[in-house]
Amino acid sequence: FVTIKVFSVLGKEINTLVSEDKLPGNYEVEFNASQLPSGVYFYHLEVTDLESNSISTFSETKKMMLMK
């Protein structure tokens, strides 16, 4: 199960880009930021493998800069 969320610098959730089961592979996600001001945002990726014998989770947060 894959979740990708975008947050403001204050920690407010701006958008959920992905929240669904995905097969292993490479994917692209389009993020429409036309209504957001320029600035620093964060995106959080979380992948949970529910099919293995033990539930495993990968989680990572990265900074992104929006410039218009």
Protein backbone atom coordinates (compact mmCIF):
# COMPACT_ATOMS: atom_id res chain seq x y z
CA PHE A 1 0.00 0.00 0.00
CA VAL A 2 1.49 3.36 -1.06
CA THR A 3 0.74 6.80 0.34
CA ILE A 4 2.25 10.10 -0.85
CA LYS A 5 1.19 13.30 0.90
CA VAL A 6 2.30 16.93 0.53
CA PHE A 7 2.65 19.18 3.59
CA SER A 8 3.29 22.88 4.17
CA VAL A 9 6.33 24.00 6.13
CA LEU A 10 4.02 24.34 9.16
CA GLY A 11 2.97 20.69 8.88
CA LYS A 12 -0.50 21.23 7.41
CA GLU A 13 -1.49 18.51 4.95
CA ILE A 14 -1.93 20.14 1.53
CA ASN A 15 -2.78 17.17 -0.68
CA THR A 16 -2.80 13.38 -0.84
CA LEU A 17 -1.34 12.39 -4.20
CA VAL A 18 -1.48 8.59 -3.84
CA SER A 19 -3.30 6.31 -1.42
CA GLU A 20 -3.71 2.89 -2.99
CA ASP A 21 -2.26 -0.56 -3.56
CA LYS A 22 0.50 -0.58 -6.20
CA LEU A 23 2.45 -3.39 -7.80
CA PRO A 24 6.26 -3.14 -7.64
CA GLY A 25 7.61 -0.84 -10.36
CA ASN A 26 8.22 2.77 -11.35
CA TYR A 27 5.42 5.32 -11.31
CA GLU A 28 4.92 9.02 -11.99
CA VAL A 29 2.50 11.29 -10.13
CA GLU A 30 1.42 14.72 -11.31
CA PHE A 31 1.16 17.41 -8.64
CA ASN A 32 -0.92 20.46 -9.59
CA ALA A 33 0.44 23.31 -7.45
CA SER A 34 -1.22 26.14 -9.39
CA GLN A 35 -3.20 27.27 -6.33
CA LEU A 36 -0.19 27.24 -3.97
CA PRO A 37 2.25 30.08 -3.37
CA SER A 38 5.97 29.66 -3.99
CA GLY A 39 7.84 28.29 -1.02
CA VAL A 40 9.10 25.21 0.78
CA TYR A 41 6.91 22.11 1.01
CA PHE A 42 7.49 18.54 2.15
CA TYR A 43 6.34 15.27 0.64
CA HIS A 44 6.01 12.09 2.65
CA LEU A 45 6.18 8.64 1.03
CA GLU A 46 5.04 5.59 2.96
CA VAL A 47 5.00 2.03 1.60
CA THR A 48 3.54 -0.82 3.65
CA ASP A 49 3.94 -4.45 2.59
CA LEU A 50 0.97 -6.30 4.03
CA GLU A 51 1.51 -9.54 2.10
CA SER A 52 4.75 -10.71 3.73
CA ASN A 53 4.75 -12.77 6.92
CA SER A 54 5.65 -9.69 8.95
CA ILE A 55 4.29 -6.24 8.12
CA SER A 56 7.12 -4.04 6.87
CA THR A 57 6.99 -0.30 6.27
CA PHE A 58 9.25 2.12 4.44
CA SER A 59 8.78 5.81 5.20
CA GLU A 60 10.63 8.89 3.94
CA THR A 61 10.04 12.65 4.00
CA LYS A 62 11.80 15.02 1.59
CA LYS A 63 11.84 18.77 1.13
CA MET A 64 10.75 20.35 -2.16
CA MET A 65 10.94 23.93 -3.38
CA LEU A 66 8.02 25.35 -5.39
CA MET A 67 9.05 28.29 -7.58
CA LYS A 68 6.66 30.12 -9.88
